[in-house]
C-alpha atoms as a PDB file:
ATOM      1  CA  UNK A   1      10.213  33.586 -71.762  1.00  0.00           C
ATOM      2  CA  UNK A   2      13.851  33.273 -72.128  1.00  0.00           C
ATOM      3  CA  UNK A   3      15.397  30.432 -69.579  1.00  0.00           C
ATOM      4  CA  UNK A   4      12.094  30.175 -67.957  1.00  0.00           C
ATOM      5  CA  UNK A   5      11.395  26.442 -68.022  1.00  0.00           C
ATOM      6  CA  UNK A   6      14.314  25.243 -66.851  1.00  0.00           C
ATOM      7  CA  UNK A   7      14.044  27.474 -64.108  1.00  0.00           C
ATOM      8  CA  UNK A   8      10.837  26.312 -63.292  1.00  0.00           C
ATOM      9  CA  UNK A   9      11.258  22.422 -63.856  1.00  0.00           C
ATOM     10  CA  UNK A  10      14.498  22.832 -61.194  1.00  0.00           C
ATOM     11  CA  UNK A  11      11.910  24.735 -58.832  1.00  0.00           C
ATOM     12  CA  UNK A  12       9.336  22.566 -58.967  1.00  0.00           C
ATOM     13  CA  UNK A  13      12.118  19.274 -58.539  1.00  0.00           C
ATOM     14  CA  UNK A  14      13.366  21.493 -55.818  1.00  0.00           C
ATOM     15  CA  UNK A  15       9.889  21.591 -54.197  1.00  0.00           C
ATOM     16  CA  UNK A  16       9.811  18.243 -54.535  1.00  0.00           C
ATOM     17  CA  UNK A  17      12.568  16.891 -52.648  1.00  0.00           C
ATOM     18  CA  UNK A  18      11.540  19.612 -50.107  1.00  0.00           C
ATOM     19  CA  UNK A  19       8.306  17.682 -49.606  1.00  0.00           C
ATOM     20  CA  UNK A  20       9.523  14.092 -49.476  1.00  0.00           C
ATOM     21  CA  UNK A  21       9.662  13.655 -46.222  1.00  0.00           C
ATOM     22  CA  UNK A  22       5.532  14.967 -45.606  1.00  0.00           C
ATOM     23  CA  UNK A  23       4.265  12.459 -48.722  1.00  0.00           C
ATOM     24  CA  UNK A  24       6.636   9.252 -47.927  1.00  0.00           C
ATOM     25  CA  UNK A  25       7.294   9.057 -44.238  1.00  0.00           C
ATOM     26  CA  UNK A  26       8.909   5.779 -42.306  1.00  0.00           C
ATOM     27  CA  UNK A  27       7.722   2.206 -43.611  1.00  0.00           C
ATOM     28  CA  UNK A  28       5.748   3.812 -47.123  1.00  0.00           C
ATOM     29  CA  UNK A  29       6.987   1.907 -50.071  1.00  0.00           C
ATOM     30  CA  UNK A  30       9.218   4.637 -52.211  1.00  0.00           C
ATOM     31  CA  UNK A  31       6.714   3.624 -55.961  1.00  0.00           C
ATOM     32  CA  UNK A  32       4.646   5.825 -58.004  1.00  0.00           C
ATOM     33  CA  UNK A  33       4.135   9.524 -57.195  1.00  0.00           C
ATOM     34  CA  UNK A  34       1.374  10.201 -54.304  1.00  0.00           C
ATOM     35  CA  UNK A  35       0.476  13.130 -56.103  1.00  0.00           C
ATOM     36  CA  UNK A  36      -2.901  12.903 -57.608  1.00  0.00           C
ATOM     37  CA  UNK A  37      -3.913  13.731 -61.091  1.00  0.00           C
ATOM     38  CA  UNK A  38      -0.139  13.205 -61.981  1.00  0.00           C
ATOM     39  CA  UNK A  39       2.055  10.348 -63.499  1.00  0.00           C
ATOM     40  CA  UNK A  40       5.709   9.470 -64.529  1.00  0.00           C
ATOM     41  CA  UNK A  41       7.221  10.301 -67.599  1.00  0.00           C
ATOM     42  CA  UNK A  42       9.076   6.937 -69.258  1.00  0.00           C
ATOM     43  CA  UNK A  43      11.784   8.719 -70.331  1.00  0.00           C
ATOM     44  CA  UNK A  44      12.501  12.237 -70.287  1.00  0.00           C
ATOM     45  CA  UNK A  45      15.926  15.248 -70.959  1.00  0.00           C
ATOM     46  CA  UNK A  46      17.223  16.803 -67.783  1.00  0.00           C
ATOM     47  CA  UNK A  47      19.089  20.424 -67.604  1.00  0.00           C
ATOM     48  CA  UNK A  48      22.407  20.297 -66.611  1.00  0.00           C
ATOM     49  CA  UNK A  49      21.373  22.084 -64.028  1.00  0.00           C
ATOM     50  CA  UNK A  50      18.429  20.208 -62.480  1.00  0.00           C
ATOM     51  CA  UNK A  51      21.347  17.000 -62.655  1.00  0.00           C
ATOM     52  CA  UNK A  52      23.496  18.791 -60.422  1.00  0.00           C
ATOM     53  CA  UNK A  53      20.485  20.012 -58.246  1.00  0.00           C
ATOM     54  CA  UNK A  54      19.277  16.590 -57.539  1.00  0.00           C
ATOM     55  CA  UNK A  55      23.030  15.395 -57.280  1.00  0.00           C
ATOM     56  CA  UNK A  56      21.969  12.271 -59.776  1.00  0.00           C
ATOM     57  CA  UNK A  57      24.446   9.432 -59.220  1.00  0.00           C
ATOM     58  CA  UNK A  58      24.781   5.849 -60.891  1.00  0.00           C
ATOM     59  CA  UNK A  59      26.311   2.726 -61.163  1.00  0.00           C
ATOM     60  CA  UNK A  60      27.026   0.443 -64.081  1.00  0.00           C
ATOM     61  CA  UNK A  61      24.933  -3.070 -64.702  1.00  0.00           C
ATOM     62  CA  UNK A  62      27.370  -5.641 -65.128  1.00  0.00           C
ATOM     63  CA  UNK A  63      27.843  -9.101 -64.730  1.00  0.00           C
ATOM     64  CA  UNK A  64      29.136 -10.301 -61.686  1.00  0.00           C
ATOM     65  CA  UNK A  65      29.200 -13.790 -59.811  1.00  0.00           C
ATOM     66  CA  UNK A  66      26.478 -14.624 -57.935  1.00  0.00           C
ATOM     67  CA  UNK A  67      26.219 -17.741 -55.138  1.00  0.00           C
ATOM     68  CA  UNK A  68      21.926 -18.568 -54.743  1.00  0.00           C
ATOM     69  CA  UNK A  69      21.119 -17.541 -51.435  1.00  0.00           C
ATOM     70  CA  UNK A  70      17.661 -17.030 -49.476  1.00  0.00           C
ATOM     71  CA  UNK A  71      17.203 -13.837 -48.167  1.00  0.00           C
ATOM     72  CA  UNK A  72      14.871 -13.319 -45.222  1.00  0.00           C
ATOM     73  CA  UNK A  73      13.801 -10.468 -42.383  1.00  0.00           C
ATOM     74  CA  UNK A  74      15.434 -11.433 -39.208  1.00  0.00           C
ATOM     75  CA  UNK A  75      15.573 -10.025 -35.719  1.00  0.00           C
ATOM     76  CA  UNK A  76      18.480 -10.396 -33.617  1.00  0.00           C
ATOM     77  CA  UNK A  77      18.216 -12.536 -30.344  1.00  0.00           C
ATOM     78  CA  UNK A  78      20.043 -14.140 -27.922  1.00  0.00           C
ATOM     79  CA  UNK A  79      21.324 -17.829 -27.411  1.00  0.00           C
ATOM     80  CA  UNK A  80      19.165 -19.813 -24.596  1.00  0.00           C
ATOM     81  CA  UNK A  81      22.179 -20.920 -23.673  1.00  0.00           C
ATOM     82  CA  UNK A  82      23.553 -17.829 -23.331  1.00  0.00           C
ATOM     83  CA  UNK A  83      21.422 -16.537 -20.189  1.00  0.00           C
ATOM     84  CA  UNK A  84      21.001 -17.131 -16.889  1.00  0.00           C
ATOM     85  CA  UNK A  85      17.998 -16.523 -14.908  1.00  0.00           C
ATOM     86  CA  UNK A  86      19.338 -15.545 -10.710  1.00  0.00           C
ATOM     87  CA  UNK A  87      16.672 -17.039  -7.883  1.00  0.00           C
ATOM     88  CA  UNK A  88      16.439 -17.900  -4.762  1.00  0.00           C
ATOM     89  CA  UNK A  89      15.338 -21.076  -3.050  1.00  0.00           C
ATOM     90  CA  UNK A  90      13.815 -20.297  -0.606  1.00  0.00           C
ATOM     91  CA  UNK A  91      11.558 -17.522   0.899  1.00  0.00           C
ATOM     92  CA  UNK A  92      14.220 -14.224   1.549  1.00  0.00           C
ATOM     93  CA  UNK A  93      13.999 -10.481   1.798  1.00  0.00           C
ATOM     94  CA  UNK A  94      16.152  -8.558  -0.641  1.00  0.00           C
ATOM     95  CA  UNK A  95      19.364  -7.085   1.940  1.00  0.00           C
ATOM     96  CA  UNK A  96      21.489  -5.482  -0.636  1.00  0.00           C
ATOM     97  CA  UNK A  97      22.222  -4.953  -4.450  1.00  0.00           C
ATOM     98  CA  UNK A  98      25.451  -5.070  -5.755  1.00  0.00           C
ATOM     99  CA  UNK A  99      24.818  -4.417  -9.300  1.00  0.00           C
ATOM    100  CA  UNK A 100      22.850  -2.395 -11.287  1.00  0.00           C
ATOM    101  CA  UNK A 101      21.029  -3.192 -14.961  1.00  0.00           C
ATOM    102  CA  UNK A 102      23.412  -2.996 -17.914  1.00  0.00           C
ATOM    103  CA  UNK A 103      26.356  -3.527 -15.663  1.00  0.00           C
ATOM    104  CA  UNK A 104      29.275  -6.166 -17.220  1.00  0.00           C
ATOM    105  CA  UNK A 105      29.401  -9.138 -14.662  1.00  0.00           C
ATOM    106  CA  UNK A 106      31.722 -11.284 -14.262  1.00  0.00           C
ATOM    107  CA  UNK A 107      31.077 -14.880 -13.462  1.00  0.00           C
ATOM    108  CA  UNK A 108      31.279 -15.634  -9.471  1.00  0.00           C
ATOM    109  CA  UNK A 109      30.247 -11.503  -9.036  1.00  0.00           C
ATOM    110  CA  UNK A 110      27.605 -10.867  -6.321  1.00  0.00           C
ATOM    111  CA  UNK A 111      24.609  -9.627  -7.613  1.00  0.00           C
ATOM    112  CA  UNK A 112      22.209  -9.323  -4.588  1.00  0.00           C
ATOM    113  CA  UNK A 113      22.018 -10.594  -0.687  1.00  0.00           C
ATOM    114  CA  UNK A 114      18.657 -12.572   0.705  1.00  0.00           C
ATOM    115  CA  UNK A 115      17.956 -13.145   4.420  1.00  0.00           C
ATOM    116  CA  UNK A 116      15.680 -15.878   4.747  1.00  0.00           C
ATOM    117  CA  UNK A 117      12.127 -15.236   6.259  1.00  0.00           C
ATOM    118  CA  UNK A 118      13.224 -18.653   8.848  1.00  0.00           C
ATOM    119  CA  UNK A 119      14.550 -18.181  12.183  1.00  0.00           C
ATOM    120  CA  UNK A 120      18.461 -18.241  12.550  1.00  0.00           C
ATOM    121  CA  UNK A 121      19.419 -18.706   9.329  1.00  0.00           C
ATOM    122  CA  UNK A 122      22.067 -16.370   7.698  1.00  0.00           C
ATOM    123  CA  UNK A 123      22.275 -14.330   4.735  1.00  0.00           C
ATOM    124  CA  UNK A 124      22.631 -15.809   1.541  1.00  0.00           C
ATOM    125  CA  UNK A 125      24.819 -13.857  -1.003  1.00  0.00           C
ATOM    126  CA  UNK A 126      23.466 -15.162  -5.032  1.00  0.00           C
ATOM    127  CA  UNK A 127      26.263 -14.644  -7.725  1.00  0.00           C
ATOM    128  CA  UNK A 128      26.212 -14.624 -11.195  1.00  0.00           C
ATOM    129  CA  UNK A 129      26.770 -18.096 -13.148  1.00  0.00           C
ATOM    130  CA  UNK A 130      27.833 -16.705 -16.305  1.00  0.00           C
ATOM    131  CA  UNK A 131      29.905 -13.782 -17.650  1.00  0.00           C
ATOM    132  CA  UNK A 132      27.908 -11.003 -19.792  1.00  0.00           C
ATOM    133  CA  UNK A 133      25.201  -7.656 -18.716  1.00  0.00           C
ATOM    134  CA  UNK A 134      22.770  -7.572 -16.250  1.00  0.00           C
ATOM    135  CA  UNK A 135      20.110  -7.235 -18.654  1.00  0.00           C
ATOM    136  CA  UNK A 136      17.167  -7.757 -15.854  1.00  0.00           C
ATOM    137  CA  UNK A 137      16.589  -6.410 -13.161  1.00  0.00           C
ATOM    138  CA  UNK A 138      12.809  -7.285 -10.844  1.00  0.00           C
ATOM    139  CA  UNK A 139      13.764  -6.747  -7.008  1.00  0.00           C
ATOM    140  CA  UNK A 140      14.322  -3.348  -4.995  1.00  0.00           C
ATOM    141  CA  UNK A 141      15.667  -3.400  -1.378  1.00  0.00           C
ATOM    142  CA  UNK A 142      13.797  -4.876   1.141  1.00  0.00           C
ATOM    143  CA  UNK A 143      11.173  -6.757  -0.947  1.00  0.00           C
ATOM    144  CA  UNK A 144       9.764 -10.195   0.056  1.00  0.00           C
ATOM    145  CA  UNK A 145      11.013 -12.909  -2.325  1.00  0.00           C
ATOM    146  CA  UNK A 146       9.942 -16.295  -3.035  1.00  0.00           C
ATOM    147  CA  UNK A 147      10.837 -19.860  -3.961  1.00  0.00           C
ATOM    148  CA  UNK A 148      11.653 -19.327  -7.871  1.00  0.00           C
ATOM    149  CA  UNK A 149      11.512 -15.786  -8.186  1.00  0.00           C
ATOM    150  CA  UNK A 150      13.356 -14.016 -11.038  1.00  0.00           C
ATOM    151  CA  UNK A 151      15.055 -11.794  -9.719  1.00  0.00           C
ATOM    152  CA  UNK A 152      17.892 -11.161 -12.179  1.00  0.00           C
ATOM    153  CA  UNK A 153      18.931 -11.855 -15.608  1.00  0.00           C
ATOM    154  CA  UNK A 154      22.542 -12.202 -16.828  1.00  0.00           C
ATOM    155  CA  UNK A 155      23.074 -12.724 -20.822  1.00  0.00           C
ATOM    156  CA  UNK A 156      26.593 -13.410 -22.555  1.00  0.00           C
ATOM    157  CA  UNK A 157      26.225 -11.731 -25.950  1.00  0.00           C
ATOM    158  CA  UNK A 158      29.225 -12.522 -27.191  1.00  0.00           C
ATOM    159  CA  UNK A 159      27.278 -14.728 -30.113  1.00  0.00           C
ATOM    160  CA  UNK A 160      24.166 -13.759 -30.980  1.00  0.00           C
ATOM    161  CA  UNK A 161      21.705 -15.408 -33.259  1.00  0.00           C
ATOM    162  CA  UNK A 162      19.699 -14.327 -36.357  1.00  0.00           C
ATOM    163  CA  UNK A 163      16.666 -15.199 -36.668  1.00  0.00           C
ATOM    164  CA  UNK A 164      15.214 -15.321 -40.098  1.00  0.00           C
ATOM    165  CA  UNK A 165      11.481 -15.612 -41.079  1.00  0.00           C
ATOM    166  CA  UNK A 166      10.473 -16.573 -44.715  1.00  0.00           C
ATOM    167  CA  UNK A 167       7.417 -17.357 -46.781  1.00  0.00           C
ATOM    168  CA  UNK A 168       9.440 -19.384 -49.207  1.00  0.00           C
ATOM    169  CA  UNK A 169       8.628 -22.923 -47.782  1.00  0.00           C
ATOM    170  CA  UNK A 170       9.985 -24.685 -51.312  1.00  0.00           C
ATOM    171  CA  UNK A 171      13.310 -23.475 -49.931  1.00  0.00           C
ATOM    172  CA  UNK A 172      13.134 -25.548 -46.880  1.00  0.00           C
ATOM    173  CA  UNK A 173      14.721 -28.093 -48.261  1.00  0.00           C
ATOM    174  CA  UNK A 174      17.329 -26.238 -49.358  1.00  0.00           C
ATOM    175  CA  UNK A 175      18.851 -24.873 -45.797  1.00  0.00           C
ATOM    176  CA  UNK A 176      21.299 -27.059 -43.691  1.00  0.00           C
ATOM    177  CA  UNK A 177      23.127 -26.234 -40.499  1.00  0.00           C
ATOM    178  CA  UNK A 178      26.829 -25.088 -41.217  1.00  0.00           C
ATOM    179  CA  UNK A 179      25.559 -23.030 -44.280  1.00  0.00           C
ATOM    180  CA  UNK A 180      27.742 -19.496 -44.699  1.00  0.00           C
ATOM    181  CA  UNK A 181      24.929 -16.616 -43.888  1.00  0.00           C
ATOM    182  CA  UNK A 182      25.655 -12.489 -43.963  1.00  0.00           C
ATOM    183  CA  UNK A 183      23.428 -10.230 -41.415  1.00  0.00           C
ATOM    184  CA  UNK A 184      22.655  -6.630 -41.683  1.00  0.00           C
ATOM    185  CA  UNK A 185      21.359  -4.512 -39.668  1.00  0.00           C
ATOM    186  CA  UNK A 186      18.925  -1.139 -40.260  1.00  0.00           C
ATOM    187  CA  UNK A 187      20.964   1.212 -38.229  1.00  0.00           C
ATOM    188  CA  UNK A 188      24.033   0.130 -38.575  1.00  0.00           C
ATOM    189  CA  UNK A 189      24.927   1.474 -42.256  1.00  0.00           C
ATOM    190  CA  UNK A 190      26.899  -1.159 -44.851  1.00  0.00           C
ATOM    191  CA  UNK A 191      28.321  -3.205 -41.987  1.00  0.00           C
ATOM    192  CA  UNK A 192      27.704  -7.079 -42.999  1.00  0.00           C
ATOM    193  CA  UNK A 193      27.999  -9.299 -40.112  1.00  0.00           C
ATOM    194  CA  UNK A 194      29.527 -13.031 -41.024  1.00  0.00           C
ATOM    195  CA  UNK A 195      27.921 -16.183 -39.435  1.00  0.00           C
ATOM    196  CA  UNK A 196      26.340 -19.543 -40.414  1.00  0.00           C
ATOM    197  CA  UNK A 197      23.212 -21.077 -39.683  1.00  0.00           C
ATOM    198  CA  UNK A 198      23.297 -23.172 -36.152  1.00  0.00           C
ATOM    199  CA  UNK A 199      19.186 -24.359 -35.925  1.00  0.00           C
ATOM    200  CA  UNK A 200      16.391 -24.528 -38.012  1.00  0.00           C
ATOM    201  CA  UNK A 201      12.853 -24.678 -36.617  1.00  0.00           C
ATOM    202  CA  UNK A 202      11.763 -28.042 -38.015  1.00  0.00           C
ATOM    203  CA  UNK A 203       7.969 -26.814 -38.158  1.00  0.00           C
ATOM    204  CA  UNK A 204       5.813 -23.915 -39.864  1.00  0.00           C
ATOM    205  CA  UNK A 205       4.197 -21.568 -37.962  1.00  0.00           C
ATOM    206  CA  UNK A 206       0.656 -22.186 -37.767  1.00  0.00           C
ATOM    207  CA  UNK A 207      -0.683 -18.292 -37.668  1.00  0.00           C
ATOM    208  CA  UNK A 208       1.939 -16.681 -39.688  1.00  0.00           C
ATOM    209  CA  UNK A 209       2.594 -19.878 -41.809  1.00  0.00           C
ATOM    210  CA  UNK A 210       6.353 -18.450 -42.111  1.00  0.00           C
ATOM    211  CA  UNK A 211       9.402 -20.529 -41.638  1.00  0.00           C
ATOM    212  CA  UNK A 212      12.134 -19.332 -39.286  1.00  0.00           C
ATOM    213  CA  UNK A 213      15.797 -20.597 -39.184  1.00  0.00           C
ATOM    214  CA  UNK A 214      18.255 -19.377 -36.787  1.00  0.00           C
ATOM    215  CA  UNK A 215      22.334 -18.388 -37.881  1.00  0.00           C
ATOM    216  CA  UNK A 216      25.058 -17.800 -35.384  1.00  0.00           C
ATOM    217  CA  UNK A 217      26.343 -14.420 -35.845  1.00  0.00           C
ATOM    218  CA  UNK A 218      29.413 -13.425 -32.999  1.00  0.00           C
ATOM    219  CA  UNK A 219      28.836 -10.195 -31.476  1.00  0.00           C
ATOM    220  CA  UNK A 220      32.675  -9.448 -30.696  1.00  0.00           C
ATOM    221  CA  UNK A 221      32.015  -5.985 -30.749  1.00  0.00           C
ATOM    222  CA  UNK A 222      28.658  -5.716 -29.106  1.00  0.00           C
ATOM    223  CA  UNK A 223      27.082  -4.176 -31.646  1.00  0.00           C
ATOM    224  CA  UNK A 224      24.639  -6.360 -32.016  1.00  0.00           C
ATOM    225  CA  UNK A 225      21.492  -5.873 -30.059  1.00  0.00           C
ATOM    226  CA  UNK A 226      18.353  -8.429 -28.434  1.00  0.00           C
ATOM    227  CA  UNK A 227      15.704  -7.136 -30.616  1.00  0.00           C
ATOM    228  CA  UNK A 228      17.256  -5.291 -33.514  1.00  0.00           C
ATOM    229  CA  UNK A 229      15.805  -6.096 -36.934  1.00  0.00           C
ATOM    230  CA  UNK A 230      17.405  -6.486 -40.175  1.00  0.00           C
ATOM    231  CA  UNK A 231      18.667  -9.182 -43.376  1.00  0.00           C
ATOM    232  CA  UNK A 232      20.194 -12.036 -43.276  1.00  0.00           C
ATOM    233  CA  UNK A 233      21.216 -14.492 -45.812  1.00  0.00           C
ATOM    234  CA  UNK A 234      21.893 -17.653 -46.611  1.00  0.00           C
ATOM    235  CA  UNK A 235      24.144 -19.117 -48.863  1.00  0.00           C
ATOM    236  CA  UNK A 236      22.439 -22.043 -50.455  1.00  0.00           C
ATOM    237  CA  UNK A 237      25.403 -23.787 -52.719  1.00  0.00           C
ATOM    238  CA  UNK A 238      29.051 -24.289 -52.030  1.00  0.00           C
ATOM    239  CA  UNK A 239      29.960 -23.740 -55.489  1.00  0.00           C
ATOM    240  CA  UNK A 240      31.772 -20.740 -57.081  1.00  0.00           C
ATOM    241  CA  UNK A 241      28.004 -19.224 -58.117  1.00  0.00           C
ATOM    242  CA  UNK A 242      26.617 -17.946 -61.585  1.00  0.00           C
ATOM    243  CA  UNK A 243      27.099 -15.118 -63.513  1.00  0.00           C
ATOM    244  CA  UNK A 244      24.382 -12.928 -63.372  1.00  0.00           C
ATOM    245  CA  UNK A 245      23.769  -9.463 -64.428  1.00  0.00           C
ATOM    246  CA  UNK A 246      23.825  -7.262 -61.330  1.00  0.00           C
ATOM    247  CA  UNK A 247      23.638  -3.830 -59.980  1.00  0.00           C
ATOM    248  CA  UNK A 248      22.658  -1.917 -56.580  1.00  0.00           C
ATOM    249  CA  UNK A 249      19.709  -2.324 -54.459  1.00  0.00           C
ATOM    250  CA  UNK A 250      19.090   1.102 -53.655  1.00  0.00           C
ATOM    251  CA  UNK A 251      19.018   1.771 -57.456  1.00  0.00           C
ATOM    252  CA  UNK A 252      15.563  -0.514 -57.494  1.00  0.00           C
ATOM    253  CA  UNK A 253      12.060   1.572 -56.666  1.00  0.00           C
ATOM    254  CA  UNK A 254       8.126  -0.051 -56.823  1.00  0.00           C
ATOM    255  CA  UNK A 255       7.015  -2.806 -54.372  1.00  0.00           C
ATOM    256  CA  UNK A 256       6.715  -6.643 -55.646  1.00  0.00           C
ATOM    257  CA  UNK A 257       6.178  -7.344 -58.342  1.00  0.00           C
ATOM    258  CA  UNK A 258       6.152  -3.549 -59.831  1.00  0.00           C
ATOM    259  CA  UNK A 259      10.002  -3.109 -59.098  1.00  0.00           C
ATOM    260  CA  UNK A 260      11.167  -0.207 -61.664  1.00  0.00           C
ATOM    261  CA  UNK A 261      14.916   1.962 -61.991  1.00  0.00           C
ATOM    262  CA  UNK A 262      16.167   4.541 -64.425  1.00  0.00           C
ATOM    263  CA  UNK A 263      18.866   4.328 -66.825  1.00  0.00           C
ATOM    264  CA  UNK A 264      20.530   7.066 -67.803  1.00  0.00           C
ATOM    265  CA  UNK A 265      22.087   7.734 -70.905  1.00  0.00           C
ATOM    266  CA  UNK A 266      23.899  12.070 -70.839  1.00  0.00           C
ATOM    267  CA  UNK A 267      20.950  13.530 -70.084  1.00  0.00           C
ATOM    268  CA  UNK A 268      18.372  11.271 -71.131  1.00  0.00           C
ATOM    269  CA  UNK A 269      16.809   9.409 -68.796  1.00  0.00           C
ATOM    270  CA  UNK A 270      13.998   5.948 -68.642  1.00  0.00           C
ATOM    271  CA  UNK A 271      12.363   4.487 -66.489  1.00  0.00           C
ATOM    272  CA  UNK A 272      11.908   0.735 -67.168  1.00  0.00           C
ATOM    273  CA  UNK A 273      10.255  -2.039 -65.613  1.00  0.00           C
ATOM    274  CA  UNK A 274      12.782  -4.964 -64.030  1.00  0.00           C
ATOM    275  CA  UNK A 275      12.370  -8.958 -62.913  1.00  0.00           C
ATOM    276  CA  UNK A 276      14.600  -9.257 -60.417  1.00  0.00           C
ATOM    277  CA  UNK A 277      16.337 -12.517 -59.297  1.00  0.00           C
ATOM    278  CA  UNK A 278      18.287 -12.988 -56.421  1.00  0.00           C
ATOM    279  CA  UNK A 279      19.788 -10.815 -53.575  1.00  0.00           C
ATOM    280  CA  UNK A 280      23.241 -10.744 -52.537  1.00  0.00           C
ATOM    281  CA  UNK A 281      23.887  -8.061 -49.958  1.00  0.00           C
ATOM    282  CA  UNK A 282      23.666  -4.728 -51.572  1.00  0.00           C
ATOM    283  CA  UNK A 283      24.083  -6.296 -54.789  1.00  0.00           C
ATOM    284  CA  UNK A 284      20.443  -7.695 -57.130  1.00  0.00           C
ATOM    285  CA  UNK A 285      20.387  -9.583 -59.602  1.00  0.00           C
ATOM    286  CA  UNK A 286      18.255  -8.228 -62.876  1.00  0.00           C
ATOM    287  CA  UNK A 287      16.760 -11.098 -65.040  1.00  0.00           C
ATOM    288  CA  UNK A 288      15.134  -8.587 -66.933  1.00  0.00           C
ATOM    289  CA  UNK A 289      15.226  -4.421 -68.065  1.00  0.00           C
ATOM    290  CA  UNK A 290      18.503  -4.054 -68.148  1.00  0.00           C
ATOM    291  CA  UNK A 291      21.538  -4.035 -70.086  1.00  0.00           C
ATOM    292  CA  UNK A 292      25.056  -5.052 -69.080  1.00  0.00           C
ATOM    293  CA  UNK A 293      27.261  -1.900 -69.605  1.00  0.00           C
ATOM    294  CA  UNK A 294      24.121   0.309 -68.588  1.00  0.00           C
ATOM    295  CA  UNK A 295      24.339   3.066 -66.268  1.00  0.00           C
ATOM    296  CA  UNK A 296      21.573   2.921 -63.540  1.00  0.00           C
ATOM    297  CA  UNK A 297      20.474   5.651 -60.914  1.00  0.00           C
ATOM    298  CA  UNK A 298      21.300   5.278 -57.736  1.00  0.00           C
ATOM    299  CA  UNK A 299      20.746   8.426 -55.858  1.00  0.00           C
ATOM    300  CA  UNK A 300      18.477  10.836 -57.155  1.00  0.00           C
ATOM    301  CA  UNK A 301      15.683   8.127 -58.539  1.00  0.00           C
ATOM    302  CA  UNK A 302      13.260   8.402 -55.967  1.00  0.00           C
ATOM    303  CA  UNK A 303      12.669  12.436 -57.005  1.00  0.00           C
ATOM    304  CA  UNK A 304      13.120  11.432 -60.851  1.00  0.00           C
ATOM    305  CA  UNK A 305       9.676  10.067 -60.314  1.00  0.00           C
ATOM    306  CA  UNK A 306       7.911  13.267 -59.788  1.00  0.00           C
ATOM    307  CA  UNK A 307       9.236  14.203 -63.836  1.00  0.00           C
ATOM    308  CA  UNK A 308       5.558  14.460 -65.228  1.00  0.00           C
ATOM    309  CA  UNK A 309       4.339  14.422 -68.839  1.00  0.00           C
ATOM    310  CA  UNK A 310       2.914  17.811 -68.178  1.00  0.00           C
ATOM    311  CA  UNK A 311       6.698  19.173 -68.221  1.00  0.00           C
ATOM    312  CA  UNK A 312       7.755  17.973 -71.221  1.00  0.00           C
ATOM    313  CA  UNK A 313       4.717  20.063 -73.013  1.00  0.00           C
ATOM    314  CA  UNK A 314       4.959  23.239 -71.551  1.00  0.00           C
ATOM    315  CA  UNK A 315       8.986  22.642 -72.379  1.00  0.00           C
ATOM    316  CA  UNK A 316       7.972  22.224 -76.238  1.00  0.00           C
ATOM    317  CA  UNK A 317       5.591  25.427 -76.141  1.00  0.00           C
ATOM    318  CA  UNK A 318       8.203  27.110 -74.342  1.00  0.00           C
ATOM    319  CA  UNK A 319      11.103  26.342 -76.775  1.00  0.00           C
ATOM    320  CA  UNK A 320      10.654  28.769 -80.065  1.00  0.00           C
ATOM    321  CA  UNK A 321      10.766  31.661 -77.621  1.00  0.00           C
ATOM    322  CA  UNK A 322      14.158  30.729 -76.481  1.00  0.00           C
ATOM    323  CA  UNK A 323      15.932  32.298 -79.999  1.00  0.00           C
ATOM    324  CA  UNK A 324      18.420  28.611 -79.881  1.00  0.00           C
ATOM    325  CA  UNK A 325      19.418  28.967 -76.710  1.00  0.00           C
ATOM    326  CA  UNK A 326      20.790  26.010 -75.330  1.00  0.00           C
ATOM    327  CA  UNK A 327      19.042  25.322 -71.772  1.00  0.00           C
END
């Protein structure tokens, strides 16, 4: 029975790590354990080998200056005034297409040549009216087109809109045109795009009961593509902010109203319920549940949920056979 328990715990945790893709696929909340009959331990100690296997990493809870902000789900949209539809003013037949989908277009470039159906009229070449990318192409050679048909669309993406959606109707009066905003996109890592509020939808959606805010974001490297999703933060105050207790967002698990974190003290770990405040990019204000200077787990915390009381009972029973050897 010597040394069996640490190895057993290690095997169990490694098995849990390998099984995460099965139990928590995309879109699942990283909250309570999905295994039936098991409940997470509120506090426990781990052998150093287990800590190493889980690659546990921590960050210190610290006091930081944070401005009041509104955090919203966001989607990248194109500016309506930066899009140009290519349409004919007459009935005709498509003779030649000069550009293909995705091409970078300069204002004045030839896009398509159309031969009018009326006898005696010469072919007409339709040109781009803005710089941008050919984002829509609805025609083929020989197609008959009518006046007003949308043949192509060119979109200027040097600037885009981050459409933020919020259910916090009480914050409507705090949002003003010109306030600073930051955008973070799912799939683009930690990169932050900066801009400012340009327009506000002065109505509440009848179906979803949401309120929309649009931030103008420069897109110099063209990394922002229409319909990308992420989060946008609008800074509601112009002052230097107030001191708050802050930890990294990735330390937080659970769902709205049931958030929790793990605090580490050496080999000892404790699960605590936390009350969240404002959020700024990757940092989260903590109203209660953590003290300044404590170390919160930022990596390996998801796996810690699967430490169960049963594993500690087994460890206690096995301890007398270990002849005083340290685990």
